[in-house]
Amino acid sequence: MRYEEFTIEGRNAVIEAFRSGKTIDKVFILDGCQDGPIATIKREAKKQDTLVKFVTKERLEQMSETGKHQGVIAYAAAYEYAEVEDMLKLAEEKGEPPFLILLDNIEDPHNLGAIIRTANLAGAHGVIIPKNRAAGLTAAVARTSAGALNYTPVAKVTNLAKTIEGLKKQGLWFVCADMDGKPMYQLDLKGPIGLVVGSEGDGVGRLVKEKCDFVASIPMKGDIDSLNASVAAGVFAFEIVRQRLL
């Protein structure tokens, strides 16, 4: 299902959006605001486990498209989020070992959209993103994914490390993309796998990296030190594809 409205401004509009069941990615509230409607918004956000950020008036003014935000702006998801279980079911239906792509610290919507597009073309069964420090399924992500969001499920989880632990119990093993790893061409990447990719700047967080079974790198010949995150995800994803075809 697709939502037409991505940015919702004003107290009543945000309360209505929550109550109508829309998936709200983030709510930005004017710092120090504590009246009745704001308390209601905070309560609804807590129920949905939506991220709430308190920001300055200047920040809200910059974000506002209508100039009538009344101290609150919400970002609604452009698409419905899936559950991790849906992805495993999808793999089972296709008779394939699960192949999931997990993203840590990917905050650029264009990178996220490009990775979802890659995931679809590489036959991954889903993409998992964390709730914090991550781009949500915004209109920009939808555009960059070039339609892949209609086919590739994306799940949002509170804790990426815990999610990895749970999936390990279901038979998946995890490879973390990192420049300090073993060259990926030396690794056996077949079977039920989760590929974990981080941003160029921060890479994969320490706790998440520690949960991975292997750390793998892309052998590079150039003079600069890293690939764009979506390009790196593509190189890894298609090495997994190549090994599955052998």
Protein backbone atom coordinates (compact mmCIF):
# COMPACT_ATOMS: atom_id res chain seq x y z
CA MET A 1 0.00 0.00 0.00
CA ARG A 2 1.25 3.45 -0.86
CA TYR A 3 0.74 6.65 1.11
CA GLU A 4 0.39 9.94 -0.71
CA GLU A 5 1.33 12.17 2.17
CA PHE A 6 4.86 12.01 3.54
CA THR A 7 5.23 15.13 5.69
CA ILE A 8 2.42 15.88 8.11
CA GLU A 9 2.31 19.23 9.89
CA GLY A 10 0.17 20.52 12.74
CA ARG A 11 -1.05 18.94 15.97
CA ASN A 12 -4.44 17.65 14.88
CA ALA A 13 -3.13 16.38 11.55
CA VAL A 14 -0.39 14.38 13.31
CA ILE A 15 -2.81 12.97 15.93
CA GLU A 16 -5.21 11.93 13.14
CA ALA A 17 -2.38 10.31 11.18
CA PHE A 18 -1.44 8.18 14.19
CA ARG A 19 -5.05 7.24 14.90
CA SER A 20 -5.77 6.31 11.28
CA GLY A 21 -3.00 3.71 11.49
CA LYS A 22 -0.49 5.44 9.20
CA THR A 23 3.11 4.29 9.70
CA ILE A 24 4.95 7.27 11.15
CA ASP A 25 8.75 7.08 10.93
CA LYS A 26 9.69 10.10 13.04
CA VAL A 27 8.03 12.96 14.92
CA PHE A 28 9.80 16.28 15.46
CA ILE A 29 8.45 18.33 18.40
CA LEU A 30 9.39 21.85 19.45
CA ASP A 31 11.68 21.59 22.46
CA GLY A 32 9.88 22.54 25.69
CA CYS A 33 6.35 22.05 24.28
CA GLN A 34 4.26 20.16 26.86
CA ASP A 35 0.57 20.96 26.40
CA GLY A 36 -2.34 18.49 25.97
CA PRO A 37 -2.14 17.79 22.20
CA ILE A 38 1.66 17.34 22.41
CA ALA A 39 1.18 14.89 25.30
CA THR A 40 -1.32 12.97 23.12
CA ILE A 41 1.17 12.88 20.21
CA LYS A 42 3.93 11.60 22.51
CA ARG A 43 1.59 8.90 23.86
CA GLU A 44 0.57 7.78 20.34
CA ALA A 45 4.25 7.77 19.26
CA LYS A 46 5.14 5.57 22.23
CA LYS A 47 2.34 3.12 21.33
CA GLN A 48 3.68 2.80 17.77
CA ASP A 49 7.32 2.81 18.93
CA THR A 50 7.94 5.87 16.74
CA LEU A 51 11.13 7.87 17.15
CA VAL A 52 10.49 11.31 18.74
CA LYS A 53 13.03 14.12 18.36
CA PHE A 54 12.88 17.45 20.19
CA VAL A 55 14.19 20.26 18.03
CA THR A 56 14.55 24.04 17.96
CA LYS A 57 12.02 26.40 16.41
CA GLU A 58 14.56 27.22 13.66
CA ARG A 59 14.86 23.54 12.71
CA LEU A 60 11.07 23.16 12.49
CA GLU A 61 10.82 26.32 10.35
CA GLN A 62 13.43 24.86 7.95
CA MET A 63 11.55 21.56 7.70
CA SER A 64 8.08 23.07 7.34
CA GLU A 65 6.49 23.22 3.91
CA THR A 66 3.29 24.96 5.03
CA GLY A 67 4.57 27.35 7.70
CA LYS A 68 1.76 26.04 9.95
CA HIS A 69 3.49 23.29 11.92
CA GLN A 70 2.24 24.38 15.40
CA GLY A 71 5.37 22.92 16.96
CA VAL A 72 5.08 19.44 15.44
CA ILE A 73 6.04 17.77 12.14
CA ALA A 74 5.80 14.04 11.41
CA TYR A 75 7.35 11.98 8.64
CA ALA A 76 5.03 9.26 7.42
CA ALA A 77 6.39 6.24 5.57
CA ALA A 78 5.73 6.21 1.83
CA TYR A 79 5.31 2.43 1.95
CA GLU A 80 4.28 -0.15 4.52
CA TYR A 81 7.08 -1.88 6.41
CA ALA A 82 7.24 -5.66 6.34
CA GLU A 83 8.12 -8.06 9.14
CA VAL A 84 11.39 -10.03 9.13
CA GLU A 85 9.31 -13.24 9.23
CA ASP A 86 7.69 -12.24 5.89
CA MET A 87 11.13 -12.33 4.27
CA LEU A 88 11.89 -15.83 5.53
CA LYS A 89 8.46 -16.94 4.29
CA LEU A 90 9.20 -15.42 0.87
CA ALA A 91 12.48 -17.39 0.66
CA GLU A 92 10.63 -20.57 1.63
CA GLU A 93 7.93 -20.00 -1.01
CA LYS A 94 10.64 -19.56 -3.66
CA GLY A 95 12.49 -22.64 -2.42
CA GLU A 96 15.67 -20.60 -1.91
CA PRO A 97 18.01 -20.23 1.09
CA PRO A 98 17.24 -16.84 2.71
CA PHE A 99 19.32 -13.89 1.53
CA LEU A 100 18.82 -10.69 3.55
CA ILE A 101 20.59 -7.33 3.42
CA LEU A 102 20.94 -5.47 6.73
CA LEU A 103 21.91 -1.81 6.82
CA ASP A 104 23.58 0.06 9.66
CA ASN A 105 24.05 3.86 9.73
CA ILE A 106 22.64 4.40 6.22
CA GLU A 107 21.06 7.85 6.60
CA ASP A 108 21.11 9.00 2.98
CA PRO A 109 17.76 8.23 1.29
CA HIS A 110 19.43 7.89 -2.13
CA ASN A 111 21.79 5.23 -0.83
CA LEU A 112 18.90 3.37 0.79
CA GLY A 113 16.81 3.53 -2.40
CA ALA A 114 19.72 2.34 -4.54
CA ILE A 115 20.39 -0.58 -2.15
CA ILE A 116 16.72 -1.65 -2.23
CA ARG A 117 16.93 -1.60 -6.04
CA THR A 118 20.11 -3.75 -5.92
CA ALA A 119 18.49 -6.11 -3.39
CA ASN A 120 15.59 -6.68 -5.76
CA LEU A 121 17.81 -7.37 -8.78
CA ALA A 122 20.11 -9.67 -6.78
CA GLY A 123 17.12 -11.71 -5.60
CA ALA A 124 17.48 -10.78 -1.91
CA HIS A 125 14.35 -11.63 0.09
CA GLY A 126 14.36 -8.39 2.04
CA VAL A 127 16.19 -5.42 3.49
CA ILE A 128 16.36 -4.73 7.24
CA ILE A 129 17.01 -1.25 8.63
CA PRO A 130 17.29 -0.03 12.24
CA LYS A 131 14.85 2.44 13.79
CA ASN A 132 17.54 4.95 14.77
CA ARG A 133 20.23 6.60 12.65
CA ALA A 134 18.65 5.40 9.42
CA ALA A 135 16.68 6.78 6.50
CA GLY A 136 13.04 5.63 6.51
CA LEU A 137 10.91 4.75 3.49
CA THR A 138 10.46 8.32 2.28
CA ALA A 139 9.35 9.53 -1.15
CA ALA A 140 13.02 10.07 -2.12
CA VAL A 141 13.81 6.45 -1.23
CA ALA A 142 10.81 5.25 -3.23
CA ARG A 143 11.94 7.26 -6.28
CA THR A 144 15.56 6.06 -6.12
CA SER A 145 14.48 2.44 -5.72
CA ALA A 146 12.94 2.69 -9.24
CA GLY A 147 9.89 0.62 -8.32
CA ALA A 148 11.78 -2.04 -6.34
CA LEU A 149 9.92 -1.01 -3.16
CA ASN A 150 6.80 -2.54 -4.69
CA TYR A 151 8.46 -5.96 -4.68
CA THR A 152 11.22 -6.06 -2.06
CA PRO A 153 10.08 -6.06 1.58
CA VAL A 154 11.78 -3.68 4.00
CA ALA A 155 11.57 -4.24 7.77
CA LYS A 156 12.44 -1.73 10.47
CA VAL A 157 13.79 -3.15 13.74
CA THR A 158 14.60 -1.60 17.11
CA ASN A 159 17.87 -3.48 17.58
CA LEU A 160 19.94 -4.78 14.67
CA ALA A 161 22.28 -6.88 16.85
CA LYS A 162 19.33 -8.66 18.52
CA THR A 163 17.72 -9.26 15.12
CA ILE A 164 20.94 -10.91 13.91
CA GLU A 165 20.97 -13.13 17.03
CA GLY A 166 17.38 -14.22 16.34
CA LEU A 167 18.09 -14.97 12.68
CA LYS A 168 21.19 -17.00 13.57
CA LYS A 169 18.92 -19.29 15.57
CA GLN A 170 16.93 -19.77 12.36
CA GLY A 171 20.01 -20.94 10.47
CA LEU A 172 21.34 -17.75 8.86
CA TRP A 173 24.97 -16.73 9.07
CA PHE A 174 26.21 -13.17 8.67
CA VAL A 175 28.93 -11.46 6.71
CA CYS A 176 29.87 -7.88 7.54
CA ALA A 177 31.28 -5.63 4.81
CA ASP A 178 34.37 -3.86 6.17
CA MET A 179 37.68 -2.69 4.73
CA ASP A 180 39.58 -4.63 7.41
CA GLY A 181 38.02 -7.96 6.46
CA LYS A 182 39.21 -10.94 4.47
CA PRO A 183 38.86 -10.48 0.68
CA MET A 184 35.31 -11.58 -0.16
CA TYR A 185 36.45 -13.77 -3.06
CA GLN A 186 38.13 -16.07 -0.53
CA LEU A 187 34.90 -16.71 1.38
CA ASP A 188 32.13 -19.24 0.81
CA LEU A 189 29.03 -17.02 0.66
CA LYS A 190 26.48 -19.74 -0.18
CA GLY A 191 23.58 -20.89 1.98
CA PRO A 192 21.22 -18.82 4.18
CA ILE A 193 23.02 -15.49 4.49
CA GLY A 194 22.68 -11.98 5.87
CA LEU A 195 24.88 -9.29 4.32
CA VAL A 196 25.53 -6.37 6.70
CA VAL A 197 26.54 -3.03 5.14
CA GLY A 198 27.32 0.29 6.85
CA SER A 199 27.82 3.86 5.67
CA GLU A 200 31.08 5.09 4.15
CA GLY A 201 31.83 7.32 7.12
CA ASP A 202 30.85 5.23 10.13
CA GLY A 203 30.78 1.73 8.70
CA VAL A 204 28.96 -0.99 10.65
CA GLY A 205 28.63 -0.31 14.39
CA ARG A 206 30.87 -2.32 16.74
CA LEU A 207 28.06 -4.28 18.45
CA VAL A 208 26.54 -5.30 15.13
CA LYS A 209 29.95 -6.20 13.67
CA GLU A 210 30.70 -8.43 16.67
CA LYS A 211 27.54 -10.47 15.98
CA CYS A 212 28.67 -11.26 12.42
CA ASP A 213 30.36 -14.58 11.61
CA PHE A 214 32.77 -13.14 9.05
CA VAL A 215 34.15 -9.74 8.11
CA ALA A 216 34.76 -9.39 4.38
CA SER A 217 36.34 -6.71 2.23
CA ILE A 218 36.26 -5.80 -1.44
CA PRO A 219 39.82 -5.88 -2.87
CA MET A 220 40.51 -2.35 -4.16
CA LYS A 221 43.24 -1.03 -6.42
CA GLY A 222 42.59 2.72 -6.48
CA ASP A 223 43.91 5.70 -4.57
CA ILE A 224 40.82 6.58 -2.55
CA ASP A 225 39.85 4.49 0.44
CA SER A 226 36.20 3.49 0.12
CA LEU A 227 33.29 2.83 -2.20
CA ASN A 228 29.90 4.47 -1.90
CA ALA A 229 27.72 2.30 0.41
CA SER A 230 25.21 1.38 -2.30
CA VAL A 231 27.99 0.40 -4.74
CA ALA A 232 29.68 -1.73 -2.05
CA ALA A 233 26.34 -3.43 -1.29
CA GLY A 234 25.95 -4.14 -5.02
CA VAL A 235 29.42 -5.68 -5.38
CA PHE A 236 28.84 -7.97 -2.38
CA ALA A 237 25.27 -8.87 -3.36
CA PHE A 238 26.29 -9.99 -6.83
CA GLU A 239 29.22 -12.04 -5.52
CA ILE A 240 26.60 -13.88 -3.43
CA VAL A 241 24.50 -14.27 -6.61
CA ARG A 242 27.54 -15.57 -8.53
CA GLN A 243 28.34 -18.18 -5.86
CA ARG A 244 24.71 -19.31 -5.75
CA LEU A 245 24.82 -19.97 -9.49
CA LEU A 246 27.86 -22.23 -9.27
